[in-house]
């Protein structure tokens, strides 16, 4: 709780007493406990390391080229290099 208060975050433990947090943090904690969690590509939860690197490469390519077709092609290549789903 001390960390959450200092950083403005919410505890992931469902047994934590959140009544001392700000109203926003209490709302965020309730949402964390009840809403669907969306995985993050950037943080690596939603993809394999191989695809994550391909995503980074595609973004870097777009930043350099500003060409959406090149971005799309690089991202498609990364997706095609994924191992088959089990």
PDB file of N, CA and C in Angstrom:
ATOM      1  N   UNK A   1       0.818  -1.185   0.000  1.00  0.00           N
ATOM      2  CA  UNK A   1       0.000   0.000   0.000  1.00  0.00           C
ATOM      3  C   UNK A   1       0.865   1.253   0.000  1.00  0.00           C
ATOM      4  N   UNK A   2       1.985   1.215   0.714  1.00  0.00           N
ATOM      5  CA  UNK A   2       2.861   2.388   0.741  1.00  0.00           C
ATOM      6  C   UNK A   2       3.351   2.717  -0.671  1.00  0.00           C
ATOM      7  N   UNK A   3       3.710   1.688  -1.423  1.00  0.00           N
ATOM      8  CA  UNK A   3       4.156   1.906  -2.796  1.00  0.00           C
ATOM      9  C   UNK A   3       3.028   2.498  -3.634  1.00  0.00           C
ATOM     10  N   UNK A   4       1.835   1.927  -3.541  1.00  0.00           N
ATOM     11  CA  UNK A   4       0.697   2.416  -4.323  1.00  0.00           C
ATOM     12  C   UNK A   4       0.369   3.861  -3.985  1.00  0.00           C
ATOM     13  N   UNK A   5       0.414   4.207  -2.708  1.00  0.00           N
ATOM     14  CA  UNK A   5       0.145   5.594  -2.312  1.00  0.00           C
ATOM     15  C   UNK A   5       1.195   6.542  -2.876  1.00  0.00           C
ATOM     16  N   UNK A   6       2.455   6.128  -2.814  1.00  0.00           N
ATOM     17  CA  UNK A   6       3.542   7.002  -3.278  1.00  0.00           C
ATOM     18  C   UNK A   6       3.565   7.139  -4.797  1.00  0.00           C
ATOM     19  N   UNK A   7       3.235   6.078  -5.502  1.00  0.00           N
ATOM     20  CA  UNK A   7       3.345   6.073  -6.960  1.00  0.00           C
ATOM     21  C   UNK A   7       2.035   6.343  -7.677  1.00  0.00           C
ATOM     22  N   UNK A   8       0.931   6.326  -6.956  1.00  0.00           N
ATOM     23  CA  UNK A   8      -0.362   6.537  -7.604  1.00  0.00           C
ATOM     24  C   UNK A   8      -0.872   5.304  -8.321  1.00  0.00           C
ATOM     25  N   UNK A   9      -0.338   4.162  -7.952  1.00  0.00           N
ATOM     26  CA  UNK A   9      -0.754   2.902  -8.579  1.00  0.00           C
ATOM     27  C   UNK A   9      -1.786   2.209  -7.696  1.00  0.00           C
ATOM     28  N   UNK A  10      -2.134   0.999  -8.062  1.00  0.00           N
ATOM     29  CA  UNK A  10      -3.062   0.210  -7.254  1.00  0.00           C
ATOM     30  C   UNK A  10      -2.427  -1.143  -6.958  1.00  0.00           C
ATOM     31  N   UNK A  11      -2.738  -1.715  -5.796  1.00  0.00           N
ATOM     32  CA  UNK A  11      -2.183  -3.041  -5.491  1.00  0.00           C
ATOM     33  C   UNK A  11      -2.872  -4.111  -6.334  1.00  0.00           C
ATOM     34  N   UNK A  12      -2.116  -5.102  -6.744  1.00  0.00           N
ATOM     35  CA  UNK A  12      -2.707  -6.192  -7.517  1.00  0.00           C
ATOM     36  C   UNK A  12      -3.325  -7.246  -6.626  1.00  0.00           C
ATOM     37  N   UNK A  13      -2.983  -7.230  -5.371  1.00  0.00           N
ATOM     38  CA  UNK A  13      -3.582  -8.188  -4.431  1.00  0.00           C
ATOM     39  C   UNK A  13      -5.034  -7.814  -4.189  1.00  0.00           C
ATOM     40  N   UNK A  14      -5.896  -8.793  -4.277  1.00  0.00           N
ATOM     41  CA  UNK A  14      -7.324  -8.537  -4.103  1.00  0.00           C
ATOM     42  C   UNK A  14      -7.732  -8.440  -2.636  1.00  0.00           C
ATOM     43  N   UNK A  15      -6.842  -8.814  -1.726  1.00  0.00           N
ATOM     44  CA  UNK A  15      -7.175  -8.742  -0.302  1.00  0.00           C
ATOM     45  C   UNK A  15      -6.659  -7.459   0.354  1.00  0.00           C
ATOM     46  N   UNK A  16      -6.077  -6.566  -0.435  1.00  0.00           N
ATOM     47  CA  UNK A  16      -5.561  -5.310   0.115  1.00  0.00           C
ATOM     48  C   UNK A  16      -6.713  -4.359   0.427  1.00  0.00           C
ATOM     49  N   UNK A  17      -6.616  -3.665   1.548  1.00  0.00           N
ATOM     50  CA  UNK A  17      -7.618  -2.671   1.928  1.00  0.00           C
ATOM     51  C   UNK A  17      -7.293  -1.378   1.180  1.00  0.00           C
ATOM     52  N   UNK A  18      -8.130  -1.023   0.220  1.00  0.00           N
ATOM     53  CA  UNK A  18      -7.864   0.135  -0.641  1.00  0.00           C
ATOM     54  C   UNK A  18      -8.576   1.403  -0.186  1.00  0.00           C
ATOM     55  N   UNK A  19      -9.210   1.374   0.983  1.00  0.00           N
ATOM     56  CA  UNK A  19      -9.998   2.528   1.429  1.00  0.00           C
ATOM     57  C   UNK A  19      -9.153   3.772   1.695  1.00  0.00           C
ATOM     58  N   UNK A  20      -7.861   3.621   1.912  1.00  0.00           N
ATOM     59  CA  UNK A  20      -7.013   4.787   2.166  1.00  0.00           C
ATOM     60  C   UNK A  20      -6.471   5.411   0.882  1.00  0.00           C
ATOM     61  N   UNK A  21      -6.761   4.802  -0.245  1.00  0.00           N
ATOM     62  CA  UNK A  21      -6.304   5.347  -1.528  1.00  0.00           C
ATOM     63  C   UNK A  21      -7.243   6.446  -2.006  1.00  0.00           C
ATOM     64  N   UNK A  22      -6.788   7.205  -2.989  1.00  0.00           N
ATOM     65  CA  UNK A  22      -7.624   8.272  -3.556  1.00  0.00           C
ATOM     66  C   UNK A  22      -8.824   7.649  -4.260  1.00  0.00           C
ATOM     67  N   UNK A  23      -9.874   8.432  -4.489  1.00  0.00           N
ATOM     68  CA  UNK A  23     -11.036   7.897  -5.213  1.00  0.00           C
ATOM     69  C   UNK A  23     -10.660   7.324  -6.588  1.00  0.00           C
ATOM     70  N   UNK A  24      -9.755   7.991  -7.293  1.00  0.00           N
ATOM     71  CA  UNK A  24      -9.328   7.474  -8.594  1.00  0.00           C
ATOM     72  C   UNK A  24      -8.664   6.105  -8.436  1.00  0.00           C
ATOM     73  N   UNK A  25      -7.765   5.984  -7.465  1.00  0.00           N
ATOM     74  CA  UNK A  25      -7.077   4.712  -7.257  1.00  0.00           C
ATOM     75  C   UNK A  25      -8.050   3.613  -6.840  1.00  0.00           C
ATOM     76  N   UNK A  26      -9.045   3.957  -6.021  1.00  0.00           N
ATOM     77  CA  UNK A  26     -10.044   2.971  -5.626  1.00  0.00           C
ATOM     78  C   UNK A  26     -10.831   2.496  -6.843  1.00  0.00           C
ATOM     79  N   UNK A  27     -11.182   3.426  -7.726  1.00  0.00           N
ATOM     80  CA  UNK A  27     -11.900   3.073  -8.945  1.00  0.00           C
ATOM     81  C   UNK A  27     -11.026   2.194  -9.845  1.00  0.00           C
ATOM     82  N   UNK A  28      -9.752   2.568  -9.972  1.00  0.00           N
ATOM     83  CA  UNK A  28      -8.829   1.778 -10.799  1.00  0.00           C
ATOM     84  C   UNK A  28      -8.639   0.381 -10.211  1.00  0.00           C
ATOM     85  N   UNK A  29      -8.558   0.281  -8.895  1.00  0.00           N
ATOM     86  CA  UNK A  29      -8.408  -1.024  -8.243  1.00  0.00           C
ATOM     87  C   UNK A  29      -9.643  -1.877  -8.501  1.00  0.00           C
ATOM     88  N   UNK A  30     -10.817  -1.272  -8.415  1.00  0.00           N
ATOM     89  CA  UNK A  30     -12.053  -2.016  -8.687  1.00  0.00           C
ATOM     90  C   UNK A  30     -12.077  -2.498 -10.131  1.00  0.00           C
ATOM     91  N   UNK A  31     -11.648  -1.644 -11.047  1.00  0.00           N
ATOM     92  CA  UNK A  31     -11.614  -2.029 -12.456  1.00  0.00           C
ATOM     93  C   UNK A  31     -10.613  -3.166 -12.681  1.00  0.00           C
ATOM     94  N   UNK A  32      -9.467  -3.076 -12.037  1.00  0.00           N
ATOM     95  CA  UNK A  32      -8.454  -4.127 -12.168  1.00  0.00           C
ATOM     96  C   UNK A  32      -9.003  -5.470 -11.688  1.00  0.00           C
ATOM     97  N   UNK A  33      -9.829  -5.434 -10.688  1.00  0.00           N
ATOM     98  CA  UNK A  33     -10.378  -6.663 -10.114  1.00  0.00           C
ATOM     99  C   UNK A  33     -11.563  -7.218 -10.885  1.00  0.00           C
ATOM    100  N   UNK A  34     -12.248  -6.374 -11.659  1.00  0.00           N
ATOM    101  CA  UNK A  34     -13.502  -6.824 -12.281  1.00  0.00           C
ATOM    102  C   UNK A  34     -13.535  -6.757 -13.801  1.00  0.00           C
ATOM    103  N   UNK A  35     -12.709  -5.947 -14.406  1.00  0.00           N
ATOM    104  CA  UNK A  35     -12.750  -5.764 -15.864  1.00  0.00           C
ATOM    105  C   UNK A  35     -11.778  -6.728 -16.545  1.00  0.00           C
ATOM    106  N   UNK A  36     -11.943  -6.862 -17.844  1.00  0.00           N
ATOM    107  CA  UNK A  36     -11.051  -7.698 -18.638  1.00  0.00           C
ATOM    108  C   UNK A  36      -9.695  -7.013 -18.775  1.00  0.00           C
ATOM    109  N   UNK A  37      -8.644  -7.746 -18.509  1.00  0.00           N
ATOM    110  CA  UNK A  37      -7.285  -7.226 -18.649  1.00  0.00           C
ATOM    111  C   UNK A  37      -6.861  -7.386 -20.108  1.00  0.00           C
ATOM    112  N   UNK A  38      -6.386  -6.316 -20.703  1.00  0.00           N
ATOM    113  CA  UNK A  38      -5.910  -6.361 -22.079  1.00  0.00           C
ATOM    114  C   UNK A  38      -4.389  -6.471 -22.034  1.00  0.00           C
ATOM    115  N   UNK A  39      -3.876  -7.505 -22.649  1.00  0.00           N
ATOM    116  CA  UNK A  39      -2.426  -7.713 -22.651  1.00  0.00           C
ATOM    117  C   UNK A  39      -1.732  -6.661 -23.492  1.00  0.00           C
ATOM    118  N   UNK A  40      -0.479  -6.435 -23.216  1.00  0.00           N
ATOM    119  CA  UNK A  40       0.304  -5.408 -23.884  1.00  0.00           C
ATOM    120  C   UNK A  40       1.346  -6.031 -24.807  1.00  0.00           C
ATOM    121  N   UNK A  41       1.387  -5.543 -26.044  1.00  0.00           N
ATOM    122  CA  UNK A  41       2.454  -5.963 -26.960  1.00  0.00           C
ATOM    123  C   UNK A  41       3.781  -5.400 -26.464  1.00  0.00           C
ATOM    124  N   UNK A  42       3.775  -4.139 -26.071  1.00  0.00           N
ATOM    125  CA  UNK A  42       5.005  -3.463 -25.675  1.00  0.00           C
ATOM    126  C   UNK A  42       5.662  -4.128 -24.480  1.00  0.00           C
ATOM    127  N   UNK A  43       4.865  -4.592 -23.527  1.00  0.00           N
ATOM    128  CA  UNK A  43       5.425  -5.200 -22.329  1.00  0.00           C
ATOM    129  C   UNK A  43       5.626  -6.705 -22.452  1.00  0.00           C
ATOM    130  N   UNK A  44       5.291  -7.275 -23.612  1.00  0.00           N
ATOM    131  CA  UNK A  44       5.595  -8.668 -23.880  1.00  0.00           C
ATOM    132  C   UNK A  44       4.597  -9.695 -23.399  1.00  0.00           C
ATOM    133  N   UNK A  45       3.462  -9.275 -22.852  1.00  0.00           N
ATOM    134  CA  UNK A  45       2.509 -10.262 -22.370  1.00  0.00           C
ATOM    135  C   UNK A  45       1.707 -10.898 -23.503  1.00  0.00           C
ATOM    136  N   UNK A  46       1.469 -10.158 -24.572  1.00  0.00           N
ATOM    137  CA  UNK A  46       0.543 -10.602 -25.616  1.00  0.00           C
ATOM    138  C   UNK A  46       1.224 -11.296 -26.786  1.00  0.00           C
ATOM    139  N   UNK A  47       2.515 -11.310 -26.814  1.00  0.00           N
ATOM    140  CA  UNK A  47       3.215 -11.831 -27.990  1.00  0.00           C
ATOM    141  C   UNK A  47       4.447 -12.634 -27.592  1.00  0.00           C
ATOM    142  N   UNK A  48       4.949 -13.349 -28.571  1.00  0.00           N
ATOM    143  CA  UNK A  48       6.219 -14.041 -28.349  1.00  0.00           C
ATOM    144  C   UNK A  48       7.353 -13.023 -28.463  1.00  0.00           C
ATOM    145  N   UNK A  49       8.526 -13.348 -27.930  1.00  0.00           N
ATOM    146  CA  UNK A  49       9.670 -12.447 -28.085  1.00  0.00           C
ATOM    147  C   UNK A  49       9.986 -12.160 -29.560  1.00  0.00           C
ATOM    148  N   UNK A  50       9.813 -13.160 -30.406  1.00  0.00           N
ATOM    149  CA  UNK A  50      10.097 -12.977 -31.831  1.00  0.00           C
ATOM    150  C   UNK A  50       9.168 -11.929 -32.448  1.00  0.00           C
ATOM    151  N   UNK A  51       7.864 -12.047 -32.161  1.00  0.00           N
ATOM    152  CA  UNK A  51       6.935 -11.060 -32.710  1.00  0.00           C
ATOM    153  C   UNK A  51       7.153  -9.691 -32.081  1.00  0.00           C
ATOM    154  N   UNK A  52       7.433  -9.657 -30.792  1.00  0.00           N
ATOM    155  CA  UNK A  52       7.672  -8.378 -30.126  1.00  0.00           C
ATOM    156  C   UNK A  52       8.821  -7.635 -30.805  1.00  0.00           C
ATOM    157  N   UNK A  53       9.908  -8.350 -31.128  1.00  0.00           N
ATOM    158  CA  UNK A  53      11.028  -7.716 -31.812  1.00  0.00           C
ATOM    159  C   UNK A  53      10.610  -7.258 -33.207  1.00  0.00           C
ATOM    160  N   UNK A  54       9.799  -8.059 -33.894  1.00  0.00           N
ATOM    161  CA  UNK A  54       9.294  -7.661 -35.204  1.00  0.00           C
ATOM    162  C   UNK A  54       8.438  -6.407 -35.130  1.00  0.00           C
ATOM    163  N   UNK A  55       7.636  -6.302 -34.060  1.00  0.00           N
ATOM    164  CA  UNK A  55       6.825  -5.103 -33.847  1.00  0.00           C
ATOM    165  C   UNK A  55       7.725  -3.892 -33.659  1.00  0.00           C
ATOM    166  N   UNK A  56       8.755  -4.035 -32.812  1.00  0.00           N
ATOM    167  CA  UNK A  56       9.700  -2.931 -32.614  1.00  0.00           C
ATOM    168  C   UNK A  56      10.379  -2.563 -33.930  1.00  0.00           C
ATOM    169  N   UNK A  57      10.771  -3.566 -34.696  1.00  0.00           N
ATOM    170  CA  UNK A  57      11.415  -3.302 -35.988  1.00  0.00           C
ATOM    171  C   UNK A  57      10.475  -2.555 -36.929  1.00  0.00           C
ATOM    172  N   UNK A  58       9.197  -2.945 -36.947  1.00  0.00           N
ATOM    173  CA  UNK A  58       8.222  -2.286 -37.818  1.00  0.00           C
ATOM    174  C   UNK A  58       8.037  -0.827 -37.411  1.00  0.00           C
ATOM    175  N   UNK A  59       7.950  -0.576 -36.121  1.00  0.00           N
ATOM    176  CA  UNK A  59       7.798   0.808 -35.648  1.00  0.00           C
ATOM    177  C   UNK A  59       9.037   1.617 -36.005  1.00  0.00           C
ATOM    178  N   UNK A  60      10.207   1.046 -35.791  1.00  0.00           N
ATOM    179  CA  UNK A  60      11.452   1.749 -36.136  1.00  0.00           C
ATOM    180  C   UNK A  60      11.512   2.038 -37.636  1.00  0.00           C
ATOM    181  N   UNK A  61      11.096   1.080 -38.443  1.00  0.00           N
ATOM    182  CA  UNK A  61      11.068   1.277 -39.892  1.00  0.00           C
ATOM    183  C   UNK A  61      10.127   2.418 -40.262  1.00  0.00           C
ATOM    184  N   UNK A  62       8.964   2.453 -39.622  1.00  0.00           N
ATOM    185  CA  UNK A  62       8.001   3.521 -39.915  1.00  0.00           C
ATOM    186  C   UNK A  62       8.545   4.882 -39.496  1.00  0.00           C
ATOM    187  N   UNK A  63       9.180   4.948 -38.329  1.00  0.00           N
ATOM    188  CA  UNK A  63       9.732   6.223 -37.859  1.00  0.00           C
ATOM    189  C   UNK A  63      10.756   6.754 -38.857  1.00  0.00           C
ATOM    190  N   UNK A  64      11.565   5.854 -39.405  1.00  0.00           N
ATOM    191  CA  UNK A  64      12.571   6.281 -40.376  1.00  0.00           C
ATOM    192  C   UNK A  64      11.967   6.616 -41.735  1.00  0.00           C
ATOM    193  N   UNK A  65      11.030   5.801 -42.203  1.00  0.00           N
ATOM    194  CA  UNK A  65      10.531   5.942 -43.572  1.00  0.00           C
ATOM    195  C   UNK A  65       9.246   6.754 -43.692  1.00  0.00           C
ATOM    196  N   UNK A  66       8.434   6.745 -42.643  1.00  0.00           N
ATOM    197  CA  UNK A  66       7.093   7.359 -42.666  1.00  0.00           C
ATOM    198  C   UNK A  66       6.214   6.757 -43.760  1.00  0.00           C
ATOM    199  N   UNK A  67       6.511   5.519 -44.106  1.00  0.00           N
ATOM    200  CA  UNK A  67       5.775   4.815 -45.166  1.00  0.00           C
ATOM    201  C   UNK A  67       4.913   3.729 -44.538  1.00  0.00           C
ATOM    202  N   UNK A  68       3.586   3.916 -44.522  1.00  0.00           N
ATOM    203  CA  UNK A  68       2.728   2.913 -43.885  1.00  0.00           C
ATOM    204  C   UNK A  68       2.786   1.556 -44.562  1.00  0.00           C
ATOM    205  N   UNK A  69       3.061   1.510 -45.860  1.00  0.00           N
ATOM    206  CA  UNK A  69       3.161   0.207 -46.538  1.00  0.00           C
ATOM    207  C   UNK A  69       4.378  -0.566 -46.051  1.00  0.00           C
ATOM    208  N   UNK A  70       5.480   0.130 -45.839  1.00  0.00           N
ATOM    209  CA  UNK A  70       6.678  -0.523 -45.317  1.00  0.00           C
ATOM    210  C   UNK A  70       6.437  -1.009 -43.892  1.00  0.00           C
ATOM    211  N   UNK A  71       5.764  -0.192 -43.085  1.00  0.00           N
ATOM    212  CA  UNK A  71       5.410  -0.602 -41.731  1.00  0.00           C
ATOM    213  C   UNK A  71       4.573  -1.875 -41.769  1.00  0.00           C
ATOM    214  N   UNK A  72       3.551  -1.872 -42.625  1.00  0.00           N
ATOM    215  CA  UNK A  72       2.656  -3.022 -42.741  1.00  0.00           C
ATOM    216  C   UNK A  72       3.412  -4.270 -43.196  1.00  0.00           C
ATOM    217  N   UNK A  73       4.283  -4.112 -44.169  1.00  0.00           N
ATOM    218  CA  UNK A  73       5.052  -5.253 -44.676  1.00  0.00           C
ATOM    219  C   UNK A  73       5.978  -5.813 -43.601  1.00  0.00           C
ATOM    220  N   UNK A  74       6.637  -4.942 -42.857  1.00  0.00           N
ATOM    221  CA  UNK A  74       7.544  -5.397 -41.795  1.00  0.00           C
ATOM    222  C   UNK A  74       6.763  -6.101 -40.691  1.00  0.00           C
ATOM    223  N   UNK A  75       5.605  -5.569 -40.342  1.00  0.00           N
ATOM    224  CA  UNK A  75       4.783  -6.192 -39.316  1.00  0.00           C
ATOM    225  C   UNK A  75       4.217  -7.531 -39.795  1.00  0.00           C
ATOM    226  N   UNK A  76       3.821  -7.591 -41.040  1.00  0.00           N
ATOM    227  CA  UNK A  76       3.321  -8.844 -41.608  1.00  0.00           C
ATOM    228  C   UNK A  76       4.418  -9.901 -41.618  1.00  0.00           C
ATOM    229  N   UNK A  77       5.633  -9.507 -41.967  1.00  0.00           N
ATOM    230  CA  UNK A  77       6.761 -10.448 -41.930  1.00  0.00           C
ATOM    231  C   UNK A  77       6.968 -10.992 -40.517  1.00  0.00           C
ATOM    232  N   UNK A  78       6.873 -10.115 -39.530  1.00  0.00           N
ATOM    233  CA  UNK A  78       7.036 -10.555 -38.141  1.00  0.00           C
ATOM    234  C   UNK A  78       5.939 -11.542 -37.758  1.00  0.00           C
ATOM    235  N   UNK A  79       4.732 -11.273 -38.190  1.00  0.00           N
ATOM    236  CA  UNK A  79       3.612 -12.164 -37.888  1.00  0.00           C
ATOM    237  C   UNK A  79       3.797 -13.514 -38.571  1.00  0.00           C
ATOM    238  N   UNK A  80       4.253 -13.501 -39.814  1.00  0.00           N
ATOM    239  CA  UNK A  80       4.467 -14.740 -40.553  1.00  0.00           C
ATOM    240  C   UNK A  80       5.590 -15.586 -39.995  1.00  0.00           C
ATOM    241  N   UNK A  81       6.489 -14.985 -39.234  1.00  0.00           N
ATOM    242  CA  UNK A  81       7.600 -15.733 -38.636  1.00  0.00           C
ATOM    243  C   UNK A  81       7.215 -16.353 -37.292  1.00  0.00           C
ATOM    244  N   UNK A  82       5.979 -16.118 -36.859  1.00  0.00           N
ATOM    245  CA  UNK A  82       5.515 -16.695 -35.600  1.00  0.00           C
ATOM    246  C   UNK A  82       5.425 -18.211 -35.712  1.00  0.00           C
ATOM    247  N   UNK A  83       5.738 -18.902 -34.650  1.00  0.00           N
ATOM    248  CA  UNK A  83       5.497 -20.350 -34.671  1.00  0.00           C
ATOM    249  C   UNK A  83       3.995 -20.607 -34.660  1.00  0.00           C
ATOM    250  N   UNK A  84       3.571 -21.746 -35.181  1.00  0.00           N
ATOM    251  CA  UNK A  84       2.124 -22.047 -35.178  1.00  0.00           C
ATOM    252  C   UNK A  84       1.557 -22.069 -33.763  1.00  0.00           C
ATOM    253  N   UNK A  85       0.315 -21.648 -33.639  1.00  0.00           N
ATOM    254  CA  UNK A  85      -0.342 -21.646 -32.330  1.00  0.00           C
ATOM    255  C   UNK A  85      -0.581 -23.094 -31.900  1.00  0.00           C
ATOM    256  N   UNK A  86      -0.436 -23.340 -30.618  1.00  0.00           N
ATOM    257  CA  UNK A  86      -0.643 -24.706 -30.094  1.00  0.00           C
ATOM    258  C   UNK A  86      -2.039 -24.883 -29.602  1.00  0.00           C
TER     259      UNK A  86
END
